[in-house]
Each structure stands twice: as C-alpha cells, then as structure tokens.
C-alpha cells in the first residue's frame, strides 16, 4: 500500500465539515447555497462536497426543494485533522 488511501475528506469537504462543526448544536439546517455563502465559496464546490459527506455518513439530507443538510452524530463527533 503506497499511500493509496484516499483521504477521508477532500480539502473542500474538510472546510465544510469544520464550518458545520463550528455552528451551535441547535443551529438550523442549511442549504448548500447558504453554507457556501457563509463560507465565501462557490455553491458548486459545496454541493459536490455535500454529496460525498452524505454518502460517507457525516451529513444527512433532509427534505427536498430546497434540500437542507445537517451533521449526523458521526459528523459532529469526528475529529478533522489539518
């Protein structure tokens, strides 16, 4: 195994996770567009990260039109290394 482990988070995913973890526990769910605006990044970069974070079980999708996101317990408890 020559360092072929894929990192758990992409750089963007890491930033999104840190941002979500920095919010108060009772923060309302957000759309990826709101997350992007609050992080001053493009909503495309956030929505791509969100797909992976959802499939990895760190974030859950709630509702549709608009889709809202919230951290799962896994997402809240994982330590993100720089």
PDB file of N, CA and C in Angstrom:
ATOM      1  N   UNK A   1       0.855  -1.192   0.000  1.00  0.00           N
ATOM      2  CA  UNK A   1       0.000   0.000   0.000  1.00  0.00           C
ATOM      3  C   UNK A   1       0.886   1.236   0.000  1.00  0.00           C
ATOM      4  N   UNK A   2       0.993   1.881  -1.127  1.00  0.00           N
ATOM      5  CA  UNK A   2       1.881   3.037  -1.232  1.00  0.00           C
ATOM      6  C   UNK A   2       1.100   4.334  -1.096  1.00  0.00           C
ATOM      7  N   UNK A   3       0.516   4.537   0.070  1.00  0.00           N
ATOM      8  CA  UNK A   3      -0.217   5.778   0.296  1.00  0.00           C
ATOM      9  C   UNK A   3      -1.380   5.960  -0.647  1.00  0.00           C
ATOM     10  N   UNK A   4      -2.023   4.859  -1.013  1.00  0.00           N
ATOM     11  CA  UNK A   4      -3.155   4.998  -1.924  1.00  0.00           C
ATOM     12  C   UNK A   4      -4.469   5.183  -1.172  1.00  0.00           C
ATOM     13  N   UNK A   5      -4.378   5.253   0.141  1.00  0.00           N
ATOM     14  CA  UNK A   5      -5.594   5.516   0.910  1.00  0.00           C
ATOM     15  C   UNK A   5      -6.133   6.854   0.472  1.00  0.00           C
ATOM     16  N   UNK A   6      -7.394   6.854   0.107  1.00  0.00           N
ATOM     17  CA  UNK A   6      -7.974   8.152  -0.213  1.00  0.00           C
ATOM     18  C   UNK A   6      -8.215   8.865   1.105  1.00  0.00           C
ATOM     19  N   UNK A   7      -7.919  10.156   1.147  1.00  0.00           N
ATOM     20  CA  UNK A   7      -8.192  10.864   2.404  1.00  0.00           C
ATOM     21  C   UNK A   7      -9.696  10.812   2.674  1.00  0.00           C
ATOM     22  N   UNK A   8     -10.034  10.839   3.946  1.00  0.00           N
ATOM     23  CA  UNK A   8     -11.434  10.778   4.327  1.00  0.00           C
ATOM     24  C   UNK A   8     -12.186  11.985   3.772  1.00  0.00           C
ATOM     25  N   UNK A   9     -11.546  13.140   3.804  1.00  0.00           N
ATOM     26  CA  UNK A   9     -12.192  14.367   3.330  1.00  0.00           C
ATOM     27  C   UNK A   9     -11.362  15.016   2.234  1.00  0.00           C
ATOM     28  N   UNK A  10     -12.038  15.581   1.250  1.00  0.00           N
ATOM     29  CA  UNK A  10     -11.353  16.446   0.293  1.00  0.00           C
ATOM     30  C   UNK A  10     -11.040  17.746   1.031  1.00  0.00           C
ATOM     31  N   UNK A  11     -10.235  18.599   0.440  1.00  0.00           N
ATOM     32  CA  UNK A  11      -9.950  19.885   1.091  1.00  0.00           C
ATOM     33  C   UNK A  11     -11.237  20.665   1.319  1.00  0.00           C
ATOM     34  N   UNK A  12     -12.083  20.674   0.283  1.00  0.00           N
ATOM     35  CA  UNK A  12     -13.367  21.362   0.434  1.00  0.00           C
ATOM     36  C   UNK A  12     -14.227  20.714   1.504  1.00  0.00           C
ATOM     37  N   UNK A  13     -14.248  19.385   1.493  1.00  0.00           N
ATOM     38  CA  UNK A  13     -15.054  18.648   2.468  1.00  0.00           C
ATOM     39  C   UNK A  13     -14.619  18.976   3.884  1.00  0.00           C
ATOM     40  N   UNK A  14     -13.313  19.100   4.062  1.00  0.00           N
ATOM     41  CA  UNK A  14     -12.761  19.441   5.371  1.00  0.00           C
ATOM     42  C   UNK A  14     -13.256  20.810   5.821  1.00  0.00           C
ATOM     43  N   UNK A  15     -13.204  21.771   4.889  1.00  0.00           N
ATOM     44  CA  UNK A  15     -13.640  23.127   5.217  1.00  0.00           C
ATOM     45  C   UNK A  15     -15.122  23.148   5.570  1.00  0.00           C
ATOM     46  N   UNK A  16     -15.911  22.418   4.788  1.00  0.00           N
ATOM     47  CA  UNK A  16     -17.353  22.363   5.048  1.00  0.00           C
ATOM     48  C   UNK A  16     -17.606  21.735   6.416  1.00  0.00           C
ATOM     49  N   UNK A  17     -16.922  20.639   6.699  1.00  0.00           N
ATOM     50  CA  UNK A  17     -17.109  19.963   7.987  1.00  0.00           C
ATOM     51  C   UNK A  17     -16.720  20.864   9.151  1.00  0.00           C
ATOM     52  N   UNK A  18     -15.578  21.548   9.025  1.00  0.00           N
ATOM     53  CA  UNK A  18     -15.148  22.443  10.104  1.00  0.00           C
ATOM     54  C   UNK A  18     -16.181  23.542  10.316  1.00  0.00           C
ATOM     55  N   UNK A  19     -16.693  24.053   9.198  1.00  0.00           N
ATOM     56  CA  UNK A  19     -17.702  25.107   9.311  1.00  0.00           C
ATOM     57  C   UNK A  19     -18.948  24.570  10.027  1.00  0.00           C
ATOM     58  N   UNK A  20     -19.442  23.420   9.592  1.00  0.00           N
ATOM     59  CA  UNK A  20     -20.657  22.862  10.196  1.00  0.00           C
ATOM     60  C   UNK A  20     -20.432  22.535  11.670  1.00  0.00           C
ATOM     61  N   UNK A  21     -19.249  22.013  11.994  1.00  0.00           N
ATOM     62  CA  UNK A  21     -18.963  21.681  13.392  1.00  0.00           C
ATOM     63  C   UNK A  21     -18.837  22.931  14.257  1.00  0.00           C
ATOM     64  N   UNK A  22     -18.509  24.065  13.633  1.00  0.00           N
ATOM     65  CA  UNK A  22     -18.333  25.295  14.410  1.00  0.00           C
ATOM     66  C   UNK A  22     -19.668  25.926  14.784  1.00  0.00           C
ATOM     67  N   UNK A  23     -20.744  25.467  14.165  1.00  0.00           N
ATOM     68  CA  UNK A  23     -22.059  26.047  14.445  1.00  0.00           C
ATOM     69  C   UNK A  23     -22.588  25.504  15.768  1.00  0.00           C
ATOM     70  N   UNK A  24     -23.458  26.260  16.430  1.00  0.00           N
ATOM     71  CA  UNK A  24     -24.044  25.727  17.664  1.00  0.00           C
ATOM     72  C   UNK A  24     -24.862  24.465  17.372  1.00  0.00           C
ATOM     73  N   UNK A  25     -24.971  23.604  18.353  1.00  0.00           N
ATOM     74  CA  UNK A  25     -25.654  22.320  18.156  1.00  0.00           C
ATOM     75  C   UNK A  25     -27.098  22.511  17.697  1.00  0.00           C
ATOM     76  N   UNK A  26     -27.708  23.617  18.100  1.00  0.00           N
ATOM     77  CA  UNK A  26     -29.109  23.832  17.718  1.00  0.00           C
ATOM     78  C   UNK A  26     -29.244  24.714  16.484  1.00  0.00           C
ATOM     79  N   UNK A  27     -28.157  24.853  15.736  1.00  0.00           N
ATOM     80  CA  UNK A  27     -28.217  25.666  14.522  1.00  0.00           C
ATOM     81  C   UNK A  27     -29.227  25.045  13.562  1.00  0.00           C
ATOM     82  N   UNK A  28     -29.943  25.887  12.838  1.00  0.00           N
ATOM     83  CA  UNK A  28     -30.912  25.332  11.882  1.00  0.00           C
ATOM     84  C   UNK A  28     -30.178  24.629  10.739  1.00  0.00           C
ATOM     85  N   UNK A  29     -30.887  23.709  10.102  1.00  0.00           N
ATOM     86  CA  UNK A  29     -30.323  23.054   8.931  1.00  0.00           C
ATOM     87  C   UNK A  29     -30.144  24.093   7.835  1.00  0.00           C
ATOM     88  N   UNK A  30     -29.263  23.819   6.903  1.00  0.00           N
ATOM     89  CA  UNK A  30     -28.980  24.791   5.851  1.00  0.00           C
ATOM     90  C   UNK A  30     -28.937  24.155   4.483  1.00  0.00           C
ATOM     91  N   UNK A  31     -29.178  24.975   3.482  1.00  0.00           N
ATOM     92  CA  UNK A  31     -28.980  24.524   2.111  1.00  0.00           C
ATOM     93  C   UNK A  31     -27.487  24.646   1.791  1.00  0.00           C
ATOM     94  N   UNK A  32     -27.050  23.936   0.757  1.00  0.00           N
ATOM     95  CA  UNK A  32     -25.637  24.057   0.396  1.00  0.00           C
ATOM     96  C   UNK A  32     -25.339  25.484  -0.072  1.00  0.00           C
ATOM     97  N   UNK A  33     -26.335  26.151  -0.624  1.00  0.00           N
ATOM     98  CA  UNK A  33     -26.121  27.536  -1.071  1.00  0.00           C
ATOM     99  C   UNK A  33     -25.826  28.448   0.130  1.00  0.00           C
ATOM    100  N   UNK A  34     -26.584  28.285   1.210  1.00  0.00           N
ATOM    101  CA  UNK A  34     -26.346  29.092   2.412  1.00  0.00           C
ATOM    102  C   UNK A  34     -24.978  28.789   3.004  1.00  0.00           C
ATOM    103  N   UNK A  35     -24.640  27.502   3.044  1.00  0.00           N
ATOM    104  CA  UNK A  35     -23.332  27.111   3.569  1.00  0.00           C
ATOM    105  C   UNK A  35     -22.239  27.779   2.737  1.00  0.00           C
ATOM    106  N   UNK A  36     -22.395  27.707   1.418  1.00  0.00           N
ATOM    107  CA  UNK A  36     -21.402  28.311   0.523  1.00  0.00           C
ATOM    108  C   UNK A  36     -21.295  29.818   0.760  1.00  0.00           C
ATOM    109  N   UNK A  37     -22.440  30.485   0.899  1.00  0.00           N
ATOM    110  CA  UNK A  37     -22.417  31.934   1.115  1.00  0.00           C
ATOM    111  C   UNK A  37     -21.721  32.267   2.430  1.00  0.00           C
ATOM    112  N   UNK A  38     -22.006  31.484   3.468  1.00  0.00           N
ATOM    113  CA  UNK A  38     -21.395  31.742   4.767  1.00  0.00           C
ATOM    114  C   UNK A  38     -19.898  31.470   4.765  1.00  0.00           C
ATOM    115  N   UNK A  39     -19.467  30.564   3.880  1.00  0.00           N
ATOM    116  CA  UNK A  39     -18.043  30.220   3.798  1.00  0.00           C
ATOM    117  C   UNK A  39     -17.317  31.028   2.729  1.00  0.00           C
ATOM    118  N   UNK A  40     -18.068  31.850   1.979  1.00  0.00           N
ATOM    119  CA  UNK A  40     -17.496  32.653   0.896  1.00  0.00           C
ATOM    120  C   UNK A  40     -16.838  31.782  -0.174  1.00  0.00           C
ATOM    121  N   UNK A  41     -17.515  30.681  -0.535  1.00  0.00           N
ATOM    122  CA  UNK A  41     -17.023  29.840  -1.626  1.00  0.00           C
ATOM    123  C   UNK A  41     -18.167  29.614  -2.601  1.00  0.00           C
ATOM    124  N   UNK A  42     -17.881  28.979  -3.735  1.00  0.00           N
ATOM    125  CA  UNK A  42     -18.943  28.778  -4.717  1.00  0.00           C
ATOM    126  C   UNK A  42     -19.886  27.673  -4.255  1.00  0.00           C
ATOM    127  N   UNK A  43     -21.159  27.816  -4.572  1.00  0.00           N
ATOM    128  CA  UNK A  43     -22.095  26.782  -4.126  1.00  0.00           C
ATOM    129  C   UNK A  43     -21.821  25.474  -4.845  1.00  0.00           C
ATOM    130  N   UNK A  44     -21.198  25.534  -6.035  1.00  0.00           N
ATOM    131  CA  UNK A  44     -20.852  24.280  -6.709  1.00  0.00           C
ATOM    132  C   UNK A  44     -19.845  23.476  -5.898  1.00  0.00           C
ATOM    133  N   UNK A  45     -18.854  24.169  -5.335  1.00  0.00           N
ATOM    134  CA  UNK A  45     -17.849  23.426  -4.577  1.00  0.00           C
ATOM    135  C   UNK A  45     -18.468  22.812  -3.324  1.00  0.00           C
ATOM    136  N   UNK A  46     -19.435  23.506  -2.730  1.00  0.00           N
ATOM    137  CA  UNK A  46     -20.084  22.943  -1.544  1.00  0.00           C
ATOM    138  C   UNK A  46     -20.992  21.783  -1.919  1.00  0.00           C
ATOM    139  N   UNK A  47     -21.765  21.919  -2.992  1.00  0.00           N
ATOM    140  CA  UNK A  47     -22.698  20.829  -3.282  1.00  0.00           C
ATOM    141  C   UNK A  47     -21.959  19.547  -3.653  1.00  0.00           C
ATOM    142  N   UNK A  48     -20.815  19.667  -4.306  1.00  0.00           N
ATOM    143  CA  UNK A  48     -20.003  18.481  -4.583  1.00  0.00           C
ATOM    144  C   UNK A  48     -19.532  17.828  -3.294  1.00  0.00           C
ATOM    145  N   UNK A  49     -19.045  18.634  -2.369  1.00  0.00           N
ATOM    146  CA  UNK A  49     -18.592  18.108  -1.075  1.00  0.00           C
ATOM    147  C   UNK A  49     -19.741  17.460  -0.325  1.00  0.00           C
ATOM    148  N   UNK A  50     -20.906  18.090  -0.367  1.00  0.00           N
ATOM    149  CA  UNK A  50     -22.052  17.576   0.377  1.00  0.00           C
ATOM    150  C   UNK A  50     -22.440  16.181  -0.082  1.00  0.00           C
ATOM    151  N   UNK A  51     -22.367  15.959  -1.395  1.00  0.00           N
ATOM    152  CA  UNK A  51     -22.703  14.618  -1.905  1.00  0.00           C
ATOM    153  C   UNK A  51     -21.823  13.564  -1.249  1.00  0.00           C
ATOM    154  N   UNK A  52     -20.515  13.834  -1.212  1.00  0.00           N
ATOM    155  CA  UNK A  52     -19.593  12.864  -0.630  1.00  0.00           C
ATOM    156  C   UNK A  52     -19.808  12.757   0.887  1.00  0.00           C
ATOM    157  N   UNK A  53     -19.990  13.890   1.545  1.00  0.00           N
ATOM    158  CA  UNK A  53     -20.184  13.862   3.003  1.00  0.00           C
ATOM    159  C   UNK A  53     -21.454  13.090   3.362  1.00  0.00           C
ATOM    160  N   UNK A  54     -22.470  13.201   2.516  1.00  0.00           N
ATOM    161  CA  UNK A  54     -23.708  12.436   2.743  1.00  0.00           C
ATOM    162  C   UNK A  54     -23.453  10.955   2.544  1.00  0.00           C
ATOM    163  N   UNK A  55     -22.771  10.615   1.436  1.00  0.00           N
ATOM    164  CA  UNK A  55     -22.591   9.186   1.179  1.00  0.00           C
ATOM    165  C   UNK A  55     -21.640   8.567   2.204  1.00  0.00           C
ATOM    166  N   UNK A  56     -20.768   9.370   2.798  1.00  0.00           N
ATOM    167  CA  UNK A  56     -19.870   8.867   3.845  1.00  0.00           C
ATOM    168  C   UNK A  56     -20.517   8.887   5.231  1.00  0.00           C
ATOM    169  N   UNK A  57     -21.733   9.437   5.314  1.00  0.00           N
ATOM    170  CA  UNK A  57     -22.464   9.384   6.575  1.00  0.00           C
ATOM    171  C   UNK A  57     -22.151  10.484   7.581  1.00  0.00           C
ATOM    172  N   UNK A  58     -21.520  11.571   7.127  1.00  0.00           N
ATOM    173  CA  UNK A  58     -21.201  12.663   8.057  1.00  0.00           C
ATOM    174  C   UNK A  58     -22.263  13.748   8.063  1.00  0.00           C
ATOM    175  N   UNK A  59     -23.006  13.804   6.966  1.00  0.00           N
ATOM    176  CA  UNK A  59     -24.044  14.825   6.812  1.00  0.00           C
ATOM    177  C   UNK A  59     -25.293  14.115   6.321  1.00  0.00           C
ATOM    178  N   UNK A  60     -26.459  14.574   6.749  1.00  0.00           N
ATOM    179  CA  UNK A  60     -27.685  13.990   6.200  1.00  0.00           C
ATOM    180  C   UNK A  60     -28.477  15.045   5.470  1.00  0.00           C
ATOM    181  N   UNK A  61     -29.171  14.553   4.457  1.00  0.00           N
ATOM    182  CA  UNK A  61     -30.038  15.397   3.637  1.00  0.00           C
ATOM    183  C   UNK A  61     -31.417  15.339   4.230  1.00  0.00           C
ATOM    184  N   UNK A  62     -32.031  16.493   4.371  1.00  0.00           N
ATOM    185  CA  UNK A  62     -33.376  16.499   4.932  1.00  0.00           C
ATOM    186  C   UNK A  62     -34.291  17.268   3.991  1.00  0.00           C
ATOM    187  N   UNK A  63     -35.370  16.615   3.581  1.00  0.00           N
ATOM    188  CA  UNK A  63     -36.335  17.291   2.724  1.00  0.00           C
ATOM    189  C   UNK A  63     -35.843  17.482   1.298  1.00  0.00           C
ATOM    190  N   UNK A  64     -36.734  18.049   0.482  1.00  0.00           N
ATOM    191  CA  UNK A  64     -36.365  18.412  -0.882  1.00  0.00           C
ATOM    192  C   UNK A  64     -36.986  19.776  -1.147  1.00  0.00           C
ATOM    193  N   UNK A  65     -36.415  20.443  -2.124  1.00  0.00           N
ATOM    194  CA  UNK A  65     -36.988  21.734  -2.553  1.00  0.00           C
ATOM    195  C   UNK A  65     -37.217  22.684  -1.395  1.00  0.00           C
ATOM    196  N   UNK A  66     -36.255  23.262  -0.802  1.00  0.00           N
ATOM    197  CA  UNK A  66     -34.834  23.021  -1.030  1.00  0.00           C
ATOM    198  C   UNK A  66     -34.337  21.894  -0.137  1.00  0.00           C
ATOM    199  N   UNK A  67     -33.301  21.215  -0.581  1.00  0.00           N
ATOM    200  CA  UNK A  67     -32.683  20.184   0.254  1.00  0.00           C
ATOM    201  C   UNK A  67     -31.903  20.886   1.363  1.00  0.00           C
ATOM    202  N   UNK A  68     -32.121  20.449   2.581  1.00  0.00           N
ATOM    203  CA  UNK A  68     -31.395  21.003   3.720  1.00  0.00           C
ATOM    204  C   UNK A  68     -30.410  19.957   4.207  1.00  0.00           C
ATOM    205  N   UNK A  69     -29.338  20.403   4.823  1.00  0.00           N
ATOM    206  CA  UNK A  69     -28.314  19.491   5.326  1.00  0.00           C
ATOM    207  C   UNK A  69     -28.101  19.705   6.811  1.00  0.00           C
ATOM    208  N   UNK A  70     -27.775  18.612   7.499  1.00  0.00           N
ATOM    209  CA  UNK A  70     -27.428  18.693   8.915  1.00  0.00           C
ATOM    210  C   UNK A  70     -26.348  17.660   9.192  1.00  0.00           C
ATOM    211  N   UNK A  71     -25.498  17.944  10.169  1.00  0.00           N
ATOM    212  CA  UNK A  71     -24.484  16.963  10.561  1.00  0.00           C
ATOM    213  C   UNK A  71     -25.162  15.766  11.204  1.00  0.00           C
ATOM    214  N   UNK A  72     -24.635  14.586  10.953  1.00  0.00           N
ATOM    215  CA  UNK A  72     -25.077  13.397  11.681  1.00  0.00           C
ATOM    216  C   UNK A  72     -24.253  13.340  12.972  1.00  0.00           C
ATOM    217  N   UNK A  73     -24.559  12.387  13.849  1.00  0.00           N
ATOM    218  CA  UNK A  73     -23.739  12.240  15.055  1.00  0.00           C
ATOM    219  C   UNK A  73     -22.287  11.954  14.676  1.00  0.00           C
ATOM    220  N   UNK A  74     -22.112  11.105  13.651  1.00  0.00           N
ATOM    221  CA  UNK A  74     -20.751  10.847  13.163  1.00  0.00           C
ATOM    222  C   UNK A  74     -20.050  12.129  12.760  1.00  0.00           C
ATOM    223  N   UNK A  75     -20.767  12.954  12.026  1.00  0.00           N
ATOM    224  CA  UNK A  75     -20.194  14.205  11.539  1.00  0.00           C
ATOM    225  C   UNK A  75     -19.868  15.146  12.673  1.00  0.00           C
ATOM    226  N   UNK A  76     -20.699  15.127  13.701  1.00  0.00           N
ATOM    227  CA  UNK A  76     -20.467  16.035  14.824  1.00  0.00           C
ATOM    228  C   UNK A  76     -19.267  15.577  15.644  1.00  0.00           C
ATOM    229  N   UNK A  77     -19.056  14.254  15.692  1.00  0.00           N
ATOM    230  CA  UNK A  77     -18.038  13.726  16.608  1.00  0.00           C
ATOM    231  C   UNK A  77     -16.687  13.455  15.973  1.00  0.00           C
ATOM    232  N   UNK A  78     -16.613  13.455  14.643  1.00  0.00           N
ATOM    233  CA  UNK A  78     -15.323  13.132  14.033  1.00  0.00           C
ATOM    234  C   UNK A  78     -14.345  14.296  14.207  1.00  0.00           C
ATOM    235  N   UNK A  79     -13.101  13.958  14.469  1.00  0.00           N
ATOM    236  CA  UNK A  79     -12.073  14.992  14.609  1.00  0.00           C
ATOM    237  C   UNK A  79     -11.442  15.200  13.239  1.00  0.00           C
ATOM    238  N   UNK A  80     -11.392  16.442  12.803  1.00  0.00           N
ATOM    239  CA  UNK A  80     -10.862  16.744  11.479  1.00  0.00           C
ATOM    240  C   UNK A  80      -9.448  17.274  11.638  1.00  0.00           C
ATOM    241  N   UNK A  81      -8.524  16.545  11.054  1.00  0.00           N
ATOM    242  CA  UNK A  81      -7.128  16.949  11.167  1.00  0.00           C
ATOM    243  C   UNK A  81      -6.761  17.864  10.016  1.00  0.00           C
ATOM    244  N   UNK A  82      -5.849  18.772  10.284  1.00  0.00           N
ATOM    245  CA  UNK A  82      -5.415  19.667   9.222  1.00  0.00           C
ATOM    246  C   UNK A  82      -4.464  18.969   8.285  1.00  0.00           C
TER     247      UNK A  82
END
